[in-house]
Amino acid sequence: VLQPGDPILGFDLSHGGHLSHGSSV
């Protein structure tokens, strides 16, 4: 559903989110 570089909005990993929701690593 996305193209590289598209903006996404996820739950912050440090607040309880998941790696695959936008973590920089």
PDBML (XML) file of the C-alpha atoms, coordinates in Angstrom:
<?xml version="1.0" encoding="UTF-8" ?>
<PDBx:datablock datablockName="MODEL"
   xmlns:PDBx="http://pdbml.pdb.org/schema/pdbx-v50.xsd"
   xmlns:xsi="http://www.w3.org/2001/XMLSchema-instance"
   xsi:schemaLocation="http://pdbml.pdb.org/schema/pdbx-v50.xsd pdbx-v50.xsd">
   <PDBx:atom_siteCategory>
      <PDBx:atom_site id="1">
         <PDBx:B_iso_or_equiv>0.00</PDBx:B_iso_or_equiv>
         <PDBx:Cartn_x>0.000</PDBx:Cartn_x>
         <PDBx:Cartn_y>0.000</PDBx:Cartn_y>
         <PDBx:Cartn_z>0.000</PDBx:Cartn_z>
         <PDBx:auth_asym_id>A</PDBx:auth_asym_id>
         <PDBx:auth_atom_id>CA</PDBx:auth_atom_id>
         <PDBx:auth_comp_id>VAL</PDBx:auth_comp_id>
         <PDBx:auth_seq_id>1</PDBx:auth_seq_id>
         <PDBx:group_PDB>ATOM</PDBx:group_PDB>
         <PDBx:label_alt_id xsi:nil="true" />
         <PDBx:label_asym_id>A</PDBx:label_asym_id>
         <PDBx:label_atom_id>CA</PDBx:label_atom_id>
         <PDBx:label_comp_id>VAL</PDBx:label_comp_id>
         <PDBx:label_entity_id>1</PDBx:label_entity_id>
         <PDBx:label_seq_id>1</PDBx:label_seq_id>
         <PDBx:occupancy>1.00</PDBx:occupancy>
         <PDBx:pdbx_PDB_model_num>1</PDBx:pdbx_PDB_model_num>
         <PDBx:type_symbol>C</PDBx:type_symbol>
      </PDBx:atom_site>
      <PDBx:atom_site id="2">
         <PDBx:B_iso_or_equiv>0.00</PDBx:B_iso_or_equiv>
         <PDBx:Cartn_x>3.000</PDBx:Cartn_x>
         <PDBx:Cartn_y>2.358</PDBx:Cartn_y>
         <PDBx:Cartn_z>0.210</PDBx:Cartn_z>
         <PDBx:auth_asym_id>A</PDBx:auth_asym_id>
         <PDBx:auth_atom_id>CA</PDBx:auth_atom_id>
         <PDBx:auth_comp_id>LEU</PDBx:auth_comp_id>
         <PDBx:auth_seq_id>2</PDBx:auth_seq_id>
         <PDBx:group_PDB>ATOM</PDBx:group_PDB>
         <PDBx:label_alt_id xsi:nil="true" />
         <PDBx:label_asym_id>A</PDBx:label_asym_id>
         <PDBx:label_atom_id>CA</PDBx:label_atom_id>
         <PDBx:label_comp_id>LEU</PDBx:label_comp_id>
         <PDBx:label_entity_id>1</PDBx:label_entity_id>
         <PDBx:label_seq_id>2</PDBx:label_seq_id>
         <PDBx:occupancy>1.00</PDBx:occupancy>
         <PDBx:pdbx_PDB_model_num>1</PDBx:pdbx_PDB_model_num>
         <PDBx:type_symbol>C</PDBx:type_symbol>
      </PDBx:atom_site>
      <PDBx:atom_site id="3">
         <PDBx:B_iso_or_equiv>0.00</PDBx:B_iso_or_equiv>
         <PDBx:Cartn_x>5.824</PDBx:Cartn_x>
         <PDBx:Cartn_y>3.725</PDBx:Cartn_y>
         <PDBx:Cartn_z>-1.898</PDBx:Cartn_z>
         <PDBx:auth_asym_id>A</PDBx:auth_asym_id>
         <PDBx:auth_atom_id>CA</PDBx:auth_atom_id>
         <PDBx:auth_comp_id>GLN</PDBx:auth_comp_id>
         <PDBx:auth_seq_id>3</PDBx:auth_seq_id>
         <PDBx:group_PDB>ATOM</PDBx:group_PDB>
         <PDBx:label_alt_id xsi:nil="true" />
         <PDBx:label_asym_id>A</PDBx:label_asym_id>
         <PDBx:label_atom_id>CA</PDBx:label_atom_id>
         <PDBx:label_comp_id>GLN</PDBx:label_comp_id>
         <PDBx:label_entity_id>1</PDBx:label_entity_id>
         <PDBx:label_seq_id>3</PDBx:label_seq_id>
         <PDBx:occupancy>1.00</PDBx:occupancy>
         <PDBx:pdbx_PDB_model_num>1</PDBx:pdbx_PDB_model_num>
         <PDBx:type_symbol>C</PDBx:type_symbol>
      </PDBx:atom_site>
      <PDBx:atom_site id="4">
         <PDBx:B_iso_or_equiv>0.00</PDBx:B_iso_or_equiv>
         <PDBx:Cartn_x>9.320</PDBx:Cartn_x>
         <PDBx:Cartn_y>4.243</PDBx:Cartn_y>
         <PDBx:Cartn_z>-0.444</PDBx:Cartn_z>
         <PDBx:auth_asym_id>A</PDBx:auth_asym_id>
         <PDBx:auth_atom_id>CA</PDBx:auth_atom_id>
         <PDBx:auth_comp_id>PRO</PDBx:auth_comp_id>
         <PDBx:auth_seq_id>4</PDBx:auth_seq_id>
         <PDBx:group_PDB>ATOM</PDBx:group_PDB>
         <PDBx:label_alt_id xsi:nil="true" />
         <PDBx:label_asym_id>A</PDBx:label_asym_id>
         <PDBx:label_atom_id>CA</PDBx:label_atom_id>
         <PDBx:label_comp_id>PRO</PDBx:label_comp_id>
         <PDBx:label_entity_id>1</PDBx:label_entity_id>
         <PDBx:label_seq_id>4</PDBx:label_seq_id>
         <PDBx:occupancy>1.00</PDBx:occupancy>
         <PDBx:pdbx_PDB_model_num>1</PDBx:pdbx_PDB_model_num>
         <PDBx:type_symbol>C</PDBx:type_symbol>
      </PDBx:atom_site>
      <PDBx:atom_site id="5">
         <PDBx:B_iso_or_equiv>0.00</PDBx:B_iso_or_equiv>
         <PDBx:Cartn_x>9.432</PDBx:Cartn_x>
         <PDBx:Cartn_y>7.578</PDBx:Cartn_y>
         <PDBx:Cartn_z>1.357</PDBx:Cartn_z>
         <PDBx:auth_asym_id>A</PDBx:auth_asym_id>
         <PDBx:auth_atom_id>CA</PDBx:auth_atom_id>
         <PDBx:auth_comp_id>GLY</PDBx:auth_comp_id>
         <PDBx:auth_seq_id>5</PDBx:auth_seq_id>
         <PDBx:group_PDB>ATOM</PDBx:group_PDB>
         <PDBx:label_alt_id xsi:nil="true" />
         <PDBx:label_asym_id>A</PDBx:label_asym_id>
         <PDBx:label_atom_id>CA</PDBx:label_atom_id>
         <PDBx:label_comp_id>GLY</PDBx:label_comp_id>
         <PDBx:label_entity_id>1</PDBx:label_entity_id>
         <PDBx:label_seq_id>5</PDBx:label_seq_id>
         <PDBx:occupancy>1.00</PDBx:occupancy>
         <PDBx:pdbx_PDB_model_num>1</PDBx:pdbx_PDB_model_num>
         <PDBx:type_symbol>C</PDBx:type_symbol>
      </PDBx:atom_site>
      <PDBx:atom_site id="6">
         <PDBx:B_iso_or_equiv>0.00</PDBx:B_iso_or_equiv>
         <PDBx:Cartn_x>5.700</PDBx:Cartn_x>
         <PDBx:Cartn_y>7.736</PDBx:Cartn_y>
         <PDBx:Cartn_z>2.040</PDBx:Cartn_z>
         <PDBx:auth_asym_id>A</PDBx:auth_asym_id>
         <PDBx:auth_atom_id>CA</PDBx:auth_atom_id>
         <PDBx:auth_comp_id>ASP</PDBx:auth_comp_id>
         <PDBx:auth_seq_id>6</PDBx:auth_seq_id>
         <PDBx:group_PDB>ATOM</PDBx:group_PDB>
         <PDBx:label_alt_id xsi:nil="true" />
         <PDBx:label_asym_id>A</PDBx:label_asym_id>
         <PDBx:label_atom_id>CA</PDBx:label_atom_id>
         <PDBx:label_comp_id>ASP</PDBx:label_comp_id>
         <PDBx:label_entity_id>1</PDBx:label_entity_id>
         <PDBx:label_seq_id>6</PDBx:label_seq_id>
         <PDBx:occupancy>1.00</PDBx:occupancy>
         <PDBx:pdbx_PDB_model_num>1</PDBx:pdbx_PDB_model_num>
         <PDBx:type_symbol>C</PDBx:type_symbol>
      </PDBx:atom_site>
      <PDBx:atom_site id="7">
         <PDBx:B_iso_or_equiv>0.00</PDBx:B_iso_or_equiv>
         <PDBx:Cartn_x>4.787</PDBx:Cartn_x>
         <PDBx:Cartn_y>9.160</PDBx:Cartn_y>
         <PDBx:Cartn_z>5.458</PDBx:Cartn_z>
         <PDBx:auth_asym_id>A</PDBx:auth_asym_id>
         <PDBx:auth_atom_id>CA</PDBx:auth_atom_id>
         <PDBx:auth_comp_id>PRO</PDBx:auth_comp_id>
         <PDBx:auth_seq_id>7</PDBx:auth_seq_id>
         <PDBx:group_PDB>ATOM</PDBx:group_PDB>
         <PDBx:label_alt_id xsi:nil="true" />
         <PDBx:label_asym_id>A</PDBx:label_asym_id>
         <PDBx:label_atom_id>CA</PDBx:label_atom_id>
         <PDBx:label_comp_id>PRO</PDBx:label_comp_id>
         <PDBx:label_entity_id>1</PDBx:label_entity_id>
         <PDBx:label_seq_id>7</PDBx:label_seq_id>
         <PDBx:occupancy>1.00</PDBx:occupancy>
         <PDBx:pdbx_PDB_model_num>1</PDBx:pdbx_PDB_model_num>
         <PDBx:type_symbol>C</PDBx:type_symbol>
      </PDBx:atom_site>
      <PDBx:atom_site id="8">
         <PDBx:B_iso_or_equiv>0.00</PDBx:B_iso_or_equiv>
         <PDBx:Cartn_x>3.380</PDBx:Cartn_x>
         <PDBx:Cartn_y>6.763</PDBx:Cartn_y>
         <PDBx:Cartn_z>8.074</PDBx:Cartn_z>
         <PDBx:auth_asym_id>A</PDBx:auth_asym_id>
         <PDBx:auth_atom_id>CA</PDBx:auth_atom_id>
         <PDBx:auth_comp_id>ILE</PDBx:auth_comp_id>
         <PDBx:auth_seq_id>8</PDBx:auth_seq_id>
         <PDBx:group_PDB>ATOM</PDBx:group_PDB>
         <PDBx:label_alt_id xsi:nil="true" />
         <PDBx:label_asym_id>A</PDBx:label_asym_id>
         <PDBx:label_atom_id>CA</PDBx:label_atom_id>
         <PDBx:label_comp_id>ILE</PDBx:label_comp_id>
         <PDBx:label_entity_id>1</PDBx:label_entity_id>
         <PDBx:label_seq_id>8</PDBx:label_seq_id>
         <PDBx:occupancy>1.00</PDBx:occupancy>
         <PDBx:pdbx_PDB_model_num>1</PDBx:pdbx_PDB_model_num>
         <PDBx:type_symbol>C</PDBx:type_symbol>
      </PDBx:atom_site>
      <PDBx:atom_site id="9">
         <PDBx:B_iso_or_equiv>0.00</PDBx:B_iso_or_equiv>
         <PDBx:Cartn_x>2.101</PDBx:Cartn_x>
         <PDBx:Cartn_y>7.372</PDBx:Cartn_y>
         <PDBx:Cartn_z>11.605</PDBx:Cartn_z>
         <PDBx:auth_asym_id>A</PDBx:auth_asym_id>
         <PDBx:auth_atom_id>CA</PDBx:auth_atom_id>
         <PDBx:auth_comp_id>LEU</PDBx:auth_comp_id>
         <PDBx:auth_seq_id>9</PDBx:auth_seq_id>
         <PDBx:group_PDB>ATOM</PDBx:group_PDB>
         <PDBx:label_alt_id xsi:nil="true" />
         <PDBx:label_asym_id>A</PDBx:label_asym_id>
         <PDBx:label_atom_id>CA</PDBx:label_atom_id>
         <PDBx:label_comp_id>LEU</PDBx:label_comp_id>
         <PDBx:label_entity_id>1</PDBx:label_entity_id>
         <PDBx:label_seq_id>9</PDBx:label_seq_id>
         <PDBx:occupancy>1.00</PDBx:occupancy>
         <PDBx:pdbx_PDB_model_num>1</PDBx:pdbx_PDB_model_num>
         <PDBx:type_symbol>C</PDBx:type_symbol>
      </PDBx:atom_site>
      <PDBx:atom_site id="10">
         <PDBx:B_iso_or_equiv>0.00</PDBx:B_iso_or_equiv>
         <PDBx:Cartn_x>2.643</PDBx:Cartn_x>
         <PDBx:Cartn_y>4.729</PDBx:Cartn_y>
         <PDBx:Cartn_z>14.267</PDBx:Cartn_z>
         <PDBx:auth_asym_id>A</PDBx:auth_asym_id>
         <PDBx:auth_atom_id>CA</PDBx:auth_atom_id>
         <PDBx:auth_comp_id>GLY</PDBx:auth_comp_id>
         <PDBx:auth_seq_id>10</PDBx:auth_seq_id>
         <PDBx:group_PDB>ATOM</PDBx:group_PDB>
         <PDBx:label_alt_id xsi:nil="true" />
         <PDBx:label_asym_id>A</PDBx:label_asym_id>
         <PDBx:label_atom_id>CA</PDBx:label_atom_id>
         <PDBx:label_comp_id>GLY</PDBx:label_comp_id>
         <PDBx:label_entity_id>1</PDBx:label_entity_id>
         <PDBx:label_seq_id>10</PDBx:label_seq_id>
         <PDBx:occupancy>1.00</PDBx:occupancy>
         <PDBx:pdbx_PDB_model_num>1</PDBx:pdbx_PDB_model_num>
         <PDBx:type_symbol>C</PDBx:type_symbol>
      </PDBx:atom_site>
      <PDBx:atom_site id="11">
         <PDBx:B_iso_or_equiv>0.00</PDBx:B_iso_or_equiv>
         <PDBx:Cartn_x>2.812</PDBx:Cartn_x>
         <PDBx:Cartn_y>4.261</PDBx:Cartn_y>
         <PDBx:Cartn_z>18.027</PDBx:Cartn_z>
         <PDBx:auth_asym_id>A</PDBx:auth_asym_id>
         <PDBx:auth_atom_id>CA</PDBx:auth_atom_id>
         <PDBx:auth_comp_id>PHE</PDBx:auth_comp_id>
         <PDBx:auth_seq_id>11</PDBx:auth_seq_id>
         <PDBx:group_PDB>ATOM</PDBx:group_PDB>
         <PDBx:label_alt_id xsi:nil="true" />
         <PDBx:label_asym_id>A</PDBx:label_asym_id>
         <PDBx:label_atom_id>CA</PDBx:label_atom_id>
         <PDBx:label_comp_id>PHE</PDBx:label_comp_id>
         <PDBx:label_entity_id>1</PDBx:label_entity_id>
         <PDBx:label_seq_id>11</PDBx:label_seq_id>
         <PDBx:occupancy>1.00</PDBx:occupancy>
         <PDBx:pdbx_PDB_model_num>1</PDBx:pdbx_PDB_model_num>
         <PDBx:type_symbol>C</PDBx:type_symbol>
      </PDBx:atom_site>
      <PDBx:atom_site id="12">
         <PDBx:B_iso_or_equiv>0.00</PDBx:B_iso_or_equiv>
         <PDBx:Cartn_x>6.220</PDBx:Cartn_x>
         <PDBx:Cartn_y>5.261</PDBx:Cartn_y>
         <PDBx:Cartn_z>19.423</PDBx:Cartn_z>
         <PDBx:auth_asym_id>A</PDBx:auth_asym_id>
         <PDBx:auth_atom_id>CA</PDBx:auth_atom_id>
         <PDBx:auth_comp_id>ASP</PDBx:auth_comp_id>
         <PDBx:auth_seq_id>12</PDBx:auth_seq_id>
         <PDBx:group_PDB>ATOM</PDBx:group_PDB>
         <PDBx:label_alt_id xsi:nil="true" />
         <PDBx:label_asym_id>A</PDBx:label_asym_id>
         <PDBx:label_atom_id>CA</PDBx:label_atom_id>
         <PDBx:label_comp_id>ASP</PDBx:label_comp_id>
         <PDBx:label_entity_id>1</PDBx:label_entity_id>
         <PDBx:label_seq_id>12</PDBx:label_seq_id>
         <PDBx:occupancy>1.00</PDBx:occupancy>
         <PDBx:pdbx_PDB_model_num>1</PDBx:pdbx_PDB_model_num>
         <PDBx:type_symbol>C</PDBx:type_symbol>
      </PDBx:atom_site>
      <PDBx:atom_site id="13">
         <PDBx:B_iso_or_equiv>0.00</PDBx:B_iso_or_equiv>
         <PDBx:Cartn_x>8.363</PDBx:Cartn_x>
         <PDBx:Cartn_y>2.210</PDBx:Cartn_y>
         <PDBx:Cartn_z>20.287</PDBx:Cartn_z>
         <PDBx:auth_asym_id>A</PDBx:auth_asym_id>
         <PDBx:auth_atom_id>CA</PDBx:auth_atom_id>
         <PDBx:auth_comp_id>LEU</PDBx:auth_comp_id>
         <PDBx:auth_seq_id>13</PDBx:auth_seq_id>
         <PDBx:group_PDB>ATOM</PDBx:group_PDB>
         <PDBx:label_alt_id xsi:nil="true" />
         <PDBx:label_asym_id>A</PDBx:label_asym_id>
         <PDBx:label_atom_id>CA</PDBx:label_atom_id>
         <PDBx:label_comp_id>LEU</PDBx:label_comp_id>
         <PDBx:label_entity_id>1</PDBx:label_entity_id>
         <PDBx:label_seq_id>13</PDBx:label_seq_id>
         <PDBx:occupancy>1.00</PDBx:occupancy>
         <PDBx:pdbx_PDB_model_num>1</PDBx:pdbx_PDB_model_num>
         <PDBx:type_symbol>C</PDBx:type_symbol>
      </PDBx:atom_site>
      <PDBx:atom_site id="14">
         <PDBx:B_iso_or_equiv>0.00</PDBx:B_iso_or_equiv>
         <PDBx:Cartn_x>9.606</PDBx:Cartn_x>
         <PDBx:Cartn_y>3.859</PDBx:Cartn_y>
         <PDBx:Cartn_z>23.478</PDBx:Cartn_z>
         <PDBx:auth_asym_id>A</PDBx:auth_asym_id>
         <PDBx:auth_atom_id>CA</PDBx:auth_atom_id>
         <PDBx:auth_comp_id>SER</PDBx:auth_comp_id>
         <PDBx:auth_seq_id>14</PDBx:auth_seq_id>
         <PDBx:group_PDB>ATOM</PDBx:group_PDB>
         <PDBx:label_alt_id xsi:nil="true" />
         <PDBx:label_asym_id>A</PDBx:label_asym_id>
         <PDBx:label_atom_id>CA</PDBx:label_atom_id>
         <PDBx:label_comp_id>SER</PDBx:label_comp_id>
         <PDBx:label_entity_id>1</PDBx:label_entity_id>
         <PDBx:label_seq_id>14</PDBx:label_seq_id>
         <PDBx:occupancy>1.00</PDBx:occupancy>
         <PDBx:pdbx_PDB_model_num>1</PDBx:pdbx_PDB_model_num>
         <PDBx:type_symbol>C</PDBx:type_symbol>
      </PDBx:atom_site>
      <PDBx:atom_site id="15">
         <PDBx:B_iso_or_equiv>0.00</PDBx:B_iso_or_equiv>
         <PDBx:Cartn_x>5.986</PDBx:Cartn_x>
         <PDBx:Cartn_y>4.309</PDBx:Cartn_y>
         <PDBx:Cartn_z>24.596</PDBx:Cartn_z>
         <PDBx:auth_asym_id>A</PDBx:auth_asym_id>
         <PDBx:auth_atom_id>CA</PDBx:auth_atom_id>
         <PDBx:auth_comp_id>HIS</PDBx:auth_comp_id>
         <PDBx:auth_seq_id>15</PDBx:auth_seq_id>
         <PDBx:group_PDB>ATOM</PDBx:group_PDB>
         <PDBx:label_alt_id xsi:nil="true" />
         <PDBx:label_asym_id>A</PDBx:label_asym_id>
         <PDBx:label_atom_id>CA</PDBx:label_atom_id>
         <PDBx:label_comp_id>HIS</PDBx:label_comp_id>
         <PDBx:label_entity_id>1</PDBx:label_entity_id>
         <PDBx:label_seq_id>15</PDBx:label_seq_id>
         <PDBx:occupancy>1.00</PDBx:occupancy>
         <PDBx:pdbx_PDB_model_num>1</PDBx:pdbx_PDB_model_num>
         <PDBx:type_symbol>C</PDBx:type_symbol>
      </PDBx:atom_site>
      <PDBx:atom_site id="16">
         <PDBx:B_iso_or_equiv>0.00</PDBx:B_iso_or_equiv>
         <PDBx:Cartn_x>4.995</PDBx:Cartn_x>
         <PDBx:Cartn_y>0.697</PDBx:Cartn_y>
         <PDBx:Cartn_z>23.940</PDBx:Cartn_z>
         <PDBx:auth_asym_id>A</PDBx:auth_asym_id>
         <PDBx:auth_atom_id>CA</PDBx:auth_atom_id>
         <PDBx:auth_comp_id>GLY</PDBx:auth_comp_id>
         <PDBx:auth_seq_id>16</PDBx:auth_seq_id>
         <PDBx:group_PDB>ATOM</PDBx:group_PDB>
         <PDBx:label_alt_id xsi:nil="true" />
         <PDBx:label_asym_id>A</PDBx:label_asym_id>
         <PDBx:label_atom_id>CA</PDBx:label_atom_id>
         <PDBx:label_comp_id>GLY</PDBx:label_comp_id>
         <PDBx:label_entity_id>1</PDBx:label_entity_id>
         <PDBx:label_seq_id>16</PDBx:label_seq_id>
         <PDBx:occupancy>1.00</PDBx:occupancy>
         <PDBx:pdbx_PDB_model_num>1</PDBx:pdbx_PDB_model_num>
         <PDBx:type_symbol>C</PDBx:type_symbol>
      </PDBx:atom_site>
      <PDBx:atom_site id="17">
         <PDBx:B_iso_or_equiv>0.00</PDBx:B_iso_or_equiv>
         <PDBx:Cartn_x>4.844</PDBx:Cartn_x>
         <PDBx:Cartn_y>0.406</PDBx:Cartn_y>
         <PDBx:Cartn_z>20.146</PDBx:Cartn_z>
         <PDBx:auth_asym_id>A</PDBx:auth_asym_id>
         <PDBx:auth_atom_id>CA</PDBx:auth_atom_id>
         <PDBx:auth_comp_id>GLY</PDBx:auth_comp_id>
         <PDBx:auth_seq_id>17</PDBx:auth_seq_id>
         <PDBx:group_PDB>ATOM</PDBx:group_PDB>
         <PDBx:label_alt_id xsi:nil="true" />
         <PDBx:label_asym_id>A</PDBx:label_asym_id>
         <PDBx:label_atom_id>CA</PDBx:label_atom_id>
         <PDBx:label_comp_id>GLY</PDBx:label_comp_id>
         <PDBx:label_entity_id>1</PDBx:label_entity_id>
         <PDBx:label_seq_id>17</PDBx:label_seq_id>
         <PDBx:occupancy>1.00</PDBx:occupancy>
         <PDBx:pdbx_PDB_model_num>1</PDBx:pdbx_PDB_model_num>
         <PDBx:type_symbol>C</PDBx:type_symbol>
      </PDBx:atom_site>
      <PDBx:atom_site id="18">
         <PDBx:B_iso_or_equiv>0.00</PDBx:B_iso_or_equiv>
         <PDBx:Cartn_x>6.543</PDBx:Cartn_x>
         <PDBx:Cartn_y>-2.152</PDBx:Cartn_y>
         <PDBx:Cartn_z>17.906</PDBx:Cartn_z>
         <PDBx:auth_asym_id>A</PDBx:auth_asym_id>
         <PDBx:auth_atom_id>CA</PDBx:auth_atom_id>
         <PDBx:auth_comp_id>HIS</PDBx:auth_comp_id>
         <PDBx:auth_seq_id>18</PDBx:auth_seq_id>
         <PDBx:group_PDB>ATOM</PDBx:group_PDB>
         <PDBx:label_alt_id xsi:nil="true" />
         <PDBx:label_asym_id>A</PDBx:label_asym_id>
         <PDBx:label_atom_id>CA</PDBx:label_atom_id>
         <PDBx:label_comp_id>HIS</PDBx:label_comp_id>
         <PDBx:label_entity_id>1</PDBx:label_entity_id>
         <PDBx:label_seq_id>18</PDBx:label_seq_id>
         <PDBx:occupancy>1.00</PDBx:occupancy>
         <PDBx:pdbx_PDB_model_num>1</PDBx:pdbx_PDB_model_num>
         <PDBx:type_symbol>C</PDBx:type_symbol>
      </PDBx:atom_site>
      <PDBx:atom_site id="19">
         <PDBx:B_iso_or_equiv>0.00</PDBx:B_iso_or_equiv>
         <PDBx:Cartn_x>9.751</PDBx:Cartn_x>
         <PDBx:Cartn_y>-2.145</PDBx:Cartn_y>
         <PDBx:Cartn_z>15.889</PDBx:Cartn_z>
         <PDBx:auth_asym_id>A</PDBx:auth_asym_id>
         <PDBx:auth_atom_id>CA</PDBx:auth_atom_id>
         <PDBx:auth_comp_id>LEU</PDBx:auth_comp_id>
         <PDBx:auth_seq_id>19</PDBx:auth_seq_id>
         <PDBx:group_PDB>ATOM</PDBx:group_PDB>
         <PDBx:label_alt_id xsi:nil="true" />
         <PDBx:label_asym_id>A</PDBx:label_asym_id>
         <PDBx:label_atom_id>CA</PDBx:label_atom_id>
         <PDBx:label_comp_id>LEU</PDBx:label_comp_id>
         <PDBx:label_entity_id>1</PDBx:label_entity_id>
         <PDBx:label_seq_id>19</PDBx:label_seq_id>
         <PDBx:occupancy>1.00</PDBx:occupancy>
         <PDBx:pdbx_PDB_model_num>1</PDBx:pdbx_PDB_model_num>
         <PDBx:type_symbol>C</PDBx:type_symbol>
      </PDBx:atom_site>
      <PDBx:atom_site id="20">
         <PDBx:B_iso_or_equiv>0.00</PDBx:B_iso_or_equiv>
         <PDBx:Cartn_x>7.877</PDBx:Cartn_x>
         <PDBx:Cartn_y>-2.660</PDBx:Cartn_y>
         <PDBx:Cartn_z>12.620</PDBx:Cartn_z>
         <PDBx:auth_asym_id>A</PDBx:auth_asym_id>
         <PDBx:auth_atom_id>CA</PDBx:auth_atom_id>
         <PDBx:auth_comp_id>SER</PDBx:auth_comp_id>
         <PDBx:auth_seq_id>20</PDBx:auth_seq_id>
         <PDBx:group_PDB>ATOM</PDBx:group_PDB>
         <PDBx:label_alt_id xsi:nil="true" />
         <PDBx:label_asym_id>A</PDBx:label_asym_id>
         <PDBx:label_atom_id>CA</PDBx:label_atom_id>
         <PDBx:label_comp_id>SER</PDBx:label_comp_id>
         <PDBx:label_entity_id>1</PDBx:label_entity_id>
         <PDBx:label_seq_id>20</PDBx:label_seq_id>
         <PDBx:occupancy>1.00</PDBx:occupancy>
         <PDBx:pdbx_PDB_model_num>1</PDBx:pdbx_PDB_model_num>
         <PDBx:type_symbol>C</PDBx:type_symbol>
      </PDBx:atom_site>
      <PDBx:atom_site id="21">
         <PDBx:B_iso_or_equiv>0.00</PDBx:B_iso_or_equiv>
         <PDBx:Cartn_x>5.697</PDBx:Cartn_x>
         <PDBx:Cartn_y>0.435</PDBx:Cartn_y>
         <PDBx:Cartn_z>13.132</PDBx:Cartn_z>
         <PDBx:auth_asym_id>A</PDBx:auth_asym_id>
         <PDBx:auth_atom_id>CA</PDBx:auth_atom_id>
         <PDBx:auth_comp_id>HIS</PDBx:auth_comp_id>
         <PDBx:auth_seq_id>21</PDBx:auth_seq_id>
         <PDBx:group_PDB>ATOM</PDBx:group_PDB>
         <PDBx:label_alt_id xsi:nil="true" />
         <PDBx:label_asym_id>A</PDBx:label_asym_id>
         <PDBx:label_atom_id>CA</PDBx:label_atom_id>
         <PDBx:label_comp_id>HIS</PDBx:label_comp_id>
         <PDBx:label_entity_id>1</PDBx:label_entity_id>
         <PDBx:label_seq_id>21</PDBx:label_seq_id>
         <PDBx:occupancy>1.00</PDBx:occupancy>
         <PDBx:pdbx_PDB_model_num>1</PDBx:pdbx_PDB_model_num>
         <PDBx:type_symbol>C</PDBx:type_symbol>
      </PDBx:atom_site>
      <PDBx:atom_site id="22">
         <PDBx:B_iso_or_equiv>0.00</PDBx:B_iso_or_equiv>
         <PDBx:Cartn_x>8.399</PDBx:Cartn_x>
         <PDBx:Cartn_y>2.886</PDBx:Cartn_y>
         <PDBx:Cartn_z>12.091</PDBx:Cartn_z>
         <PDBx:auth_asym_id>A</PDBx:auth_asym_id>
         <PDBx:auth_atom_id>CA</PDBx:auth_atom_id>
         <PDBx:auth_comp_id>GLY</PDBx:auth_comp_id>
         <PDBx:auth_seq_id>22</PDBx:auth_seq_id>
         <PDBx:group_PDB>ATOM</PDBx:group_PDB>
         <PDBx:label_alt_id xsi:nil="true" />
         <PDBx:label_asym_id>A</PDBx:label_asym_id>
         <PDBx:label_atom_id>CA</PDBx:label_atom_id>
         <PDBx:label_comp_id>GLY</PDBx:label_comp_id>
         <PDBx:label_entity_id>1</PDBx:label_entity_id>
         <PDBx:label_seq_id>22</PDBx:label_seq_id>
         <PDBx:occupancy>1.00</PDBx:occupancy>
         <PDBx:pdbx_PDB_model_num>1</PDBx:pdbx_PDB_model_num>
         <PDBx:type_symbol>C</PDBx:type_symbol>
      </PDBx:atom_site>
      <PDBx:atom_site id="23">
         <PDBx:B_iso_or_equiv>0.00</PDBx:B_iso_or_equiv>
         <PDBx:Cartn_x>11.440</PDBx:Cartn_x>
         <PDBx:Cartn_y>2.359</PDBx:Cartn_y>
         <PDBx:Cartn_z>14.333</PDBx:Cartn_z>
         <PDBx:auth_asym_id>A</PDBx:auth_asym_id>
         <PDBx:auth_atom_id>CA</PDBx:auth_atom_id>
         <PDBx:auth_comp_id>SER</PDBx:auth_comp_id>
         <PDBx:auth_seq_id>23</PDBx:auth_seq_id>
         <PDBx:group_PDB>ATOM</PDBx:group_PDB>
         <PDBx:label_alt_id xsi:nil="true" />
         <PDBx:label_asym_id>A</PDBx:label_asym_id>
         <PDBx:label_atom_id>CA</PDBx:label_atom_id>
         <PDBx:label_comp_id>SER</PDBx:label_comp_id>
         <PDBx:label_entity_id>1</PDBx:label_entity_id>
         <PDBx:label_seq_id>23</PDBx:label_seq_id>
         <PDBx:occupancy>1.00</PDBx:occupancy>
         <PDBx:pdbx_PDB_model_num>1</PDBx:pdbx_PDB_model_num>
         <PDBx:type_symbol>C</PDBx:type_symbol>
      </PDBx:atom_site>
      <PDBx:atom_site id="24">
         <PDBx:B_iso_or_equiv>0.00</PDBx:B_iso_or_equiv>
         <PDBx:Cartn_x>14.588</PDBx:Cartn_x>
         <PDBx:Cartn_y>3.887</PDBx:Cartn_y>
         <PDBx:Cartn_z>12.856</PDBx:Cartn_z>
         <PDBx:auth_asym_id>A</PDBx:auth_asym_id>
         <PDBx:auth_atom_id>CA</PDBx:auth_atom_id>
         <PDBx:auth_comp_id>SER</PDBx:auth_comp_id>
         <PDBx:auth_seq_id>24</PDBx:auth_seq_id>
         <PDBx:group_PDB>ATOM</PDBx:group_PDB>
         <PDBx:label_alt_id xsi:nil="true" />
         <PDBx:label_asym_id>A</PDBx:label_asym_id>
         <PDBx:label_atom_id>CA</PDBx:label_atom_id>
         <PDBx:label_comp_id>SER</PDBx:label_comp_id>
         <PDBx:label_entity_id>1</PDBx:label_entity_id>
         <PDBx:label_seq_id>24</PDBx:label_seq_id>
         <PDBx:occupancy>1.00</PDBx:occupancy>
         <PDBx:pdbx_PDB_model_num>1</PDBx:pdbx_PDB_model_num>
         <PDBx:type_symbol>C</PDBx:type_symbol>
      </PDBx:atom_site>
      <PDBx:atom_site id="25">
         <PDBx:B_iso_or_equiv>0.00</PDBx:B_iso_or_equiv>
         <PDBx:Cartn_x>16.482</PDBx:Cartn_x>
         <PDBx:Cartn_y>0.592</PDBx:Cartn_y>
         <PDBx:Cartn_z>13.191</PDBx:Cartn_z>
         <PDBx:auth_asym_id>A</PDBx:auth_asym_id>
         <PDBx:auth_atom_id>CA</PDBx:auth_atom_id>
         <PDBx:auth_comp_id>VAL</PDBx:auth_comp_id>
         <PDBx:auth_seq_id>25</PDBx:auth_seq_id>
         <PDBx:group_PDB>ATOM</PDBx:group_PDB>
         <PDBx:label_alt_id xsi:nil="true" />
         <PDBx:label_asym_id>A</PDBx:label_asym_id>
         <PDBx:label_atom_id>CA</PDBx:label_atom_id>
         <PDBx:label_comp_id>VAL</PDBx:label_comp_id>
         <PDBx:label_entity_id>1</PDBx:label_entity_id>
         <PDBx:label_seq_id>25</PDBx:label_seq_id>
         <PDBx:occupancy>1.00</PDBx:occupancy>
         <PDBx:pdbx_PDB_model_num>1</PDBx:pdbx_PDB_model_num>
         <PDBx:type_symbol>C</PDBx:type_symbol>
      </PDBx:atom_site>
   </PDBx:atom_siteCategory>
</PDBx:datablock>
